């Protein structure tokens, strides 16, 4: 077993004590949600709580969540941004993790979140990516790279900081408290994870670890129209924050923050 694998399988003592709330927004995805919640129930590091935000479901998603022991929070205003923010607001843990109903977290996923925050106290957020899987279980690594590779590359270039991926990420509760009043929670047309990444700010430390990557539904690539819809939401999210959050300005702010951090480290020696 590699050193990295050993760290993943055996979280440090510091990480074991970290209270983690897991937020799962859902709208009419009862079957996917049941699978996700059963996988969360099998975690080696049990989360403090699992919060399912029922975003006006009509298929009994809320009932599924209650039956499987999740804490259900109702949010009748339809939209992923408001549903996600409602879950983050309700969370009681020191860390708020986020999965989607179609996410498939392995048994060490929550433990990995805890380990990463224990190992990187400077990090405000940690994130993985997604591995597209069809409903019949076919893994699609090439399509995953073609879909998610550009997301991380282009959004990071536009924002000046690494973005989080909403289906497999976590942030500190203190970080959410800092930005909760700024996020565009009432605009259903924004990408909630991209919007969150904007408000984290270019100086934020976001750690990527592939151990957090989870299988997700390949539905986003089912046809041209869904893809175009996602691209439109992405451009809308960026445009909504311009000119203040223009890429050039964000990169300048990031460089200044890094320079200030280096000066502080030198002064502290």
Protein backbone atom coordinates (compact mmCIF):
# COMPACT_ATOMS: atom_id res chain seq x y z
CA UNK A 1 0.00 0.00 0.00
CA UNK A 2 1.35 3.47 -0.86
CA UNK A 3 1.88 6.17 1.77
CA UNK A 4 -1.01 8.15 0.29
CA UNK A 5 -3.30 5.13 0.41
CA UNK A 6 -2.31 4.47 4.03
CA UNK A 7 -3.14 8.05 4.96
CA UNK A 8 -6.52 7.71 3.26
CA UNK A 9 -7.34 4.41 4.93
CA UNK A 10 -6.06 5.47 8.36
CA UNK A 11 -7.04 9.10 9.11
CA UNK A 12 -5.01 10.88 11.76
CA UNK A 13 -6.28 11.21 15.32
CA UNK A 14 -6.84 14.92 14.71
CA UNK A 15 -9.12 14.18 11.78
CA UNK A 16 -11.21 11.62 13.69
CA UNK A 17 -12.57 14.33 15.98
CA UNK A 18 -13.61 16.67 13.15
CA UNK A 19 -17.40 17.11 13.02
CA UNK A 20 -18.60 17.05 9.42
CA UNK A 21 -22.08 17.90 8.16
CA UNK A 22 -22.93 16.46 4.74
CA UNK A 23 -25.43 18.45 2.66
CA UNK A 24 -27.32 16.82 -0.21
CA UNK A 25 -29.79 19.01 -2.16
CA UNK A 26 -32.41 17.03 -4.06
CA UNK A 27 -35.34 17.56 -6.37
CA UNK A 28 -37.16 14.50 -7.70
CA UNK A 29 -34.19 12.14 -7.51
CA UNK A 30 -35.43 9.61 -4.96
CA UNK A 31 -33.71 6.54 -6.44
CA UNK A 32 -30.31 8.23 -6.72
CA UNK A 33 -30.74 9.78 -3.28
CA UNK A 34 -31.41 6.42 -1.64
CA UNK A 35 -28.19 5.00 -3.06
CA UNK A 36 -26.21 8.07 -1.94
CA UNK A 37 -27.61 7.94 1.61
CA UNK A 38 -26.91 4.23 1.94
CA UNK A 39 -23.32 4.89 0.93
CA UNK A 40 -23.07 7.71 3.48
CA UNK A 41 -24.36 5.33 6.15
CA UNK A 42 -21.41 3.02 5.40
CA UNK A 43 -18.69 5.65 5.95
CA UNK A 44 -15.67 4.73 8.08
CA UNK A 45 -15.80 8.26 9.57
CA UNK A 46 -19.45 8.83 10.43
CA UNK A 47 -20.59 12.36 9.66
CA UNK A 48 -22.10 14.44 12.43
CA UNK A 49 -25.27 14.70 10.33
CA UNK A 50 -26.58 14.25 6.83
CA UNK A 51 -28.83 17.12 5.73
CA UNK A 52 -31.09 16.53 2.73
CA UNK A 53 -32.58 19.73 1.33
CA UNK A 54 -35.86 18.82 -0.32
CA UNK A 55 -36.23 21.38 -3.09
CA UNK A 56 -39.94 20.92 -3.86
CA UNK A 57 -39.77 17.24 -4.79
CA UNK A 58 -42.91 15.42 -5.91
CA UNK A 59 -41.45 11.89 -5.98
CA UNK A 60 -41.09 11.25 -2.26
CA UNK A 61 -37.42 12.18 -2.03
CA UNK A 62 -37.99 13.71 1.39
CA UNK A 63 -39.65 10.54 2.64
CA UNK A 64 -36.71 8.47 1.42
CA UNK A 65 -34.33 10.76 3.30
CA UNK A 66 -36.33 10.53 6.54
CA UNK A 67 -36.58 6.76 6.30
CA UNK A 68 -32.81 6.50 5.99
CA UNK A 69 -32.16 8.76 8.96
CA UNK A 70 -31.23 12.02 7.27
CA UNK A 71 -32.26 15.40 8.61
CA UNK A 72 -34.64 16.90 6.06
CA UNK A 73 -34.85 20.65 5.47
CA UNK A 74 -37.56 21.93 3.14
CA UNK A 75 -36.79 24.66 0.61
CA UNK A 76 -39.80 25.29 -1.65
CA UNK A 77 -38.06 27.95 -3.77
CA UNK A 78 -36.75 25.92 -6.67
CA UNK A 79 -33.10 26.29 -7.58
CA UNK A 80 -29.83 24.55 -6.80
CA UNK A 81 -28.19 27.72 -5.39
CA UNK A 82 -30.92 28.35 -2.82
CA UNK A 83 -31.21 24.65 -1.97
CA UNK A 84 -27.46 24.32 -1.39
CA UNK A 85 -27.24 27.53 0.65
CA UNK A 86 -30.20 26.44 2.79
CA UNK A 87 -28.34 23.24 3.63
CA UNK A 88 -25.13 25.07 4.45
CA UNK A 89 -27.05 27.48 6.69
CA UNK A 90 -28.56 24.55 8.59
CA UNK A 91 -25.30 22.66 9.09
CA UNK A 92 -23.90 22.31 12.60
CA UNK A 93 -20.50 20.81 11.87
CA UNK A 94 -17.12 22.55 11.77
CA UNK A 95 -16.89 21.40 8.15
CA UNK A 96 -19.69 21.37 5.59
CA UNK A 97 -19.36 18.71 2.91
CA UNK A 98 -21.47 18.71 -0.23
CA UNK A 99 -22.64 15.86 -2.42
CA UNK A 100 -25.40 15.61 -5.00
CA UNK A 101 -28.12 12.99 -4.94
CA UNK A 102 -26.40 11.10 -7.77
CA UNK A 103 -22.96 11.18 -6.10
CA UNK A 104 -21.54 7.82 -5.06
CA UNK A 105 -19.13 8.39 -2.17
CA UNK A 106 -16.85 5.48 -1.30
CA UNK A 107 -16.56 4.36 2.34
CA UNK A 108 -13.52 6.60 3.00
CA UNK A 109 -14.96 9.76 1.44
CA UNK A 110 -15.90 11.56 4.67
CA UNK A 111 -12.67 10.34 6.32
CA UNK A 112 -10.73 11.85 3.42
CA UNK A 113 -12.46 15.21 3.92
CA UNK A 114 -11.47 15.09 7.60
CA UNK A 115 -7.89 14.09 6.80
CA UNK A 116 -7.39 16.83 4.22
CA UNK A 117 -8.55 19.58 6.57
CA UNK A 118 -6.39 18.16 9.36
CA UNK A 119 -3.34 18.08 7.09
CA UNK A 120 -4.01 21.48 5.51
CA UNK A 121 -5.15 23.93 8.21
CA UNK A 122 -4.67 26.77 5.71
CA UNK A 123 -7.31 25.34 3.35
CA UNK A 124 -10.72 26.98 3.24
CA UNK A 125 -12.14 24.29 0.97
CA UNK A 126 -11.26 20.91 -0.50
CA UNK A 127 -12.61 19.37 -3.66
CA UNK A 128 -12.53 16.36 -5.91
CA UNK A 129 -14.00 15.84 -9.35
CA UNK A 130 -16.52 13.49 -10.92
CA UNK A 131 -16.39 10.26 -12.88
CA UNK A 132 -19.34 9.92 -15.23
CA UNK A 133 -21.27 6.65 -15.00
CA UNK A 134 -24.34 5.66 -17.01
CA UNK A 135 -27.44 4.28 -15.32
CA UNK A 136 -26.46 0.76 -16.41
CA UNK A 137 -23.08 1.10 -14.66
CA UNK A 138 -20.81 1.91 -17.61
CA UNK A 139 -17.90 4.09 -16.47
CA UNK A 140 -16.98 6.80 -18.98
CA UNK A 141 -13.50 8.13 -18.16
CA UNK A 142 -12.91 9.79 -21.54
CA UNK A 143 -16.18 11.72 -21.48
CA UNK A 144 -15.45 12.64 -17.85
CA UNK A 145 -12.15 14.24 -18.81
CA UNK A 146 -13.66 16.01 -21.80
CA UNK A 147 -16.49 17.41 -19.66
CA UNK A 148 -14.79 18.17 -16.34
CA UNK A 149 -11.25 18.90 -17.51
CA UNK A 150 -12.30 22.12 -19.28
CA UNK A 151 -14.46 23.09 -16.27
CA UNK A 152 -11.51 23.12 -13.88
CA UNK A 153 -9.09 24.65 -16.39
CA UNK A 154 -11.33 27.39 -17.76
CA UNK A 155 -12.99 28.34 -14.49
CA UNK A 156 -9.67 28.44 -12.67
CA UNK A 157 -8.32 30.71 -15.40
CA UNK A 158 -11.36 32.98 -15.16
CA UNK A 159 -11.44 33.17 -11.36
CA UNK A 160 -7.77 33.19 -10.44
CA UNK A 161 -8.36 30.40 -7.91
CA UNK A 162 -9.15 26.69 -8.10
CA UNK A 163 -12.93 26.11 -8.27
CA UNK A 164 -14.82 23.63 -6.15
CA UNK A 165 -16.93 20.90 -7.74
CA UNK A 166 -20.40 20.80 -6.20
CA UNK A 167 -20.86 17.03 -6.38
CA UNK A 168 -17.75 16.32 -4.28
CA UNK A 169 -16.44 19.15 -2.11
CA UNK A 170 -16.29 20.55 1.41
CA UNK A 171 -15.62 23.89 3.06
CA UNK A 172 -15.09 25.09 6.59
CA UNK A 173 -18.17 26.38 8.39
CA UNK A 174 -16.21 29.55 9.19
CA UNK A 175 -15.65 30.08 5.46
CA UNK A 176 -19.35 29.68 4.74
CA UNK A 177 -20.12 32.19 7.49
CA UNK A 178 -17.80 34.65 5.75
CA UNK A 179 -19.43 34.40 2.32
CA UNK A 180 -22.99 33.26 3.01
CA UNK A 181 -24.36 36.78 2.64
CA UNK A 182 -22.61 37.29 -0.70
CA UNK A 183 -23.50 34.20 -2.74
CA UNK A 184 -26.22 34.49 -5.40
CA UNK A 185 -28.57 32.09 -3.66
CA UNK A 186 -31.74 33.54 -5.21
CA UNK A 187 -30.56 33.32 -8.82
CA UNK A 188 -31.48 29.85 -10.07
CA UNK A 189 -29.59 30.48 -13.32
CA UNK A 190 -26.12 30.49 -11.75
CA UNK A 191 -23.89 27.47 -11.29
CA UNK A 192 -23.93 27.22 -7.51
CA UNK A 193 -20.44 25.71 -7.23
CA UNK A 194 -18.98 28.26 -9.64
CA UNK A 195 -20.70 31.07 -7.75
CA UNK A 196 -19.34 29.68 -4.48
CA UNK A 197 -15.88 29.63 -6.04
CA UNK A 198 -16.23 33.28 -7.06
CA UNK A 199 -17.07 34.34 -3.52
CA UNK A 200 -14.33 32.25 -1.92
CA UNK A 201 -12.08 34.87 -3.46
CA UNK A 202 -8.82 34.62 -5.39
CA UNK A 203 -6.77 34.48 -2.19
CA UNK A 204 -8.60 31.41 -0.87
CA UNK A 205 -6.66 28.16 -0.54
CA UNK A 206 -8.64 25.35 -2.20
CA UNK A 207 -7.05 21.89 -2.16
CA UNK A 208 -7.81 19.37 -4.87
CA UNK A 209 -7.44 15.68 -4.06
CA UNK A 210 -8.48 12.93 -6.44
CA UNK A 211 -9.39 10.77 -3.43
CA UNK A 212 -12.52 12.96 -3.16
CA UNK A 213 -13.57 12.26 -6.76
CA UNK A 214 -16.85 10.36 -6.91
CA UNK A 215 -18.85 8.58 -9.60
CA UNK A 216 -21.77 10.73 -10.76
CA UNK A 217 -24.57 10.31 -13.26
CA UNK A 218 -23.69 10.82 -16.92
CA UNK A 219 -27.00 12.65 -17.44
CA UNK A 220 -25.27 16.04 -18.04
CA UNK A 221 -23.98 14.67 -21.35
CA UNK A 222 -27.27 13.20 -22.54
CA UNK A 223 -27.66 15.38 -25.61
CA UNK A 224 -26.57 18.75 -26.91
CA UNK A 225 -29.28 20.81 -25.21
CA UNK A 226 -28.31 19.88 -21.63
CA UNK A 227 -24.71 20.70 -22.40
CA UNK A 228 -25.60 24.08 -23.93
CA UNK A 229 -27.78 24.82 -20.92
CA UNK A 230 -24.83 24.23 -18.59
CA UNK A 231 -22.52 26.39 -20.67
CA UNK A 232 -25.10 29.21 -20.63
CA UNK A 233 -25.34 28.97 -16.85
CA UNK A 234 -21.57 29.10 -16.59
CA UNK A 235 -21.28 32.25 -18.70
CA UNK A 236 -24.21 33.81 -16.82
CA UNK A 237 -22.45 33.12 -13.51
CA UNK A 238 -19.24 34.80 -14.63
CA UNK A 239 -20.99 37.74 -16.31
CA UNK A 240 -23.10 38.40 -13.24
CA UNK A 241 -19.95 39.18 -11.25
CA UNK A 242 -18.24 41.39 -13.80
CA UNK A 243 -16.64 43.92 -13.83
CA UNK A 244 -15.58 43.62 -10.17
CA UNK A 245 -14.67 39.95 -10.55
CA UNK A 246 -13.08 40.29 -13.97
CA UNK A 247 -10.28 37.69 -14.45
CA UNK A 248 -7.47 40.27 -14.69
CA UNK A 249 -8.48 41.93 -11.42
CA UNK A 250 -8.82 38.60 -9.63
CA UNK A 251 -5.37 37.45 -10.74
CA UNK A 252 -3.88 40.73 -9.52
CA UNK A 253 -5.60 40.34 -6.16
CA UNK A 254 -4.30 36.77 -5.88
CA UNK A 255 -0.72 37.85 -6.58
CA UNK A 256 -0.96 40.63 -4.00
CA UNK A 257 -2.33 38.19 -1.41
CA UNK A 258 0.50 35.74 -2.09
CA UNK A 259 3.07 38.52 -1.79
CA UNK A 260 1.57 39.67 1.52
CA UNK A 261 1.64 36.09 2.79
CA UNK A 262 5.32 35.71 1.87
CA UNK A 263 6.17 38.97 3.64
CA UNK A 264 4.32 37.82 6.75
CA UNK A 265 6.22 34.51 6.77
CA UNK A 266 9.56 36.30 6.42
CA UNK A 267 8.66 38.74 9.21
CA UNK A 268 7.67 35.88 11.48
CA UNK A 269 11.00 34.08 11.22
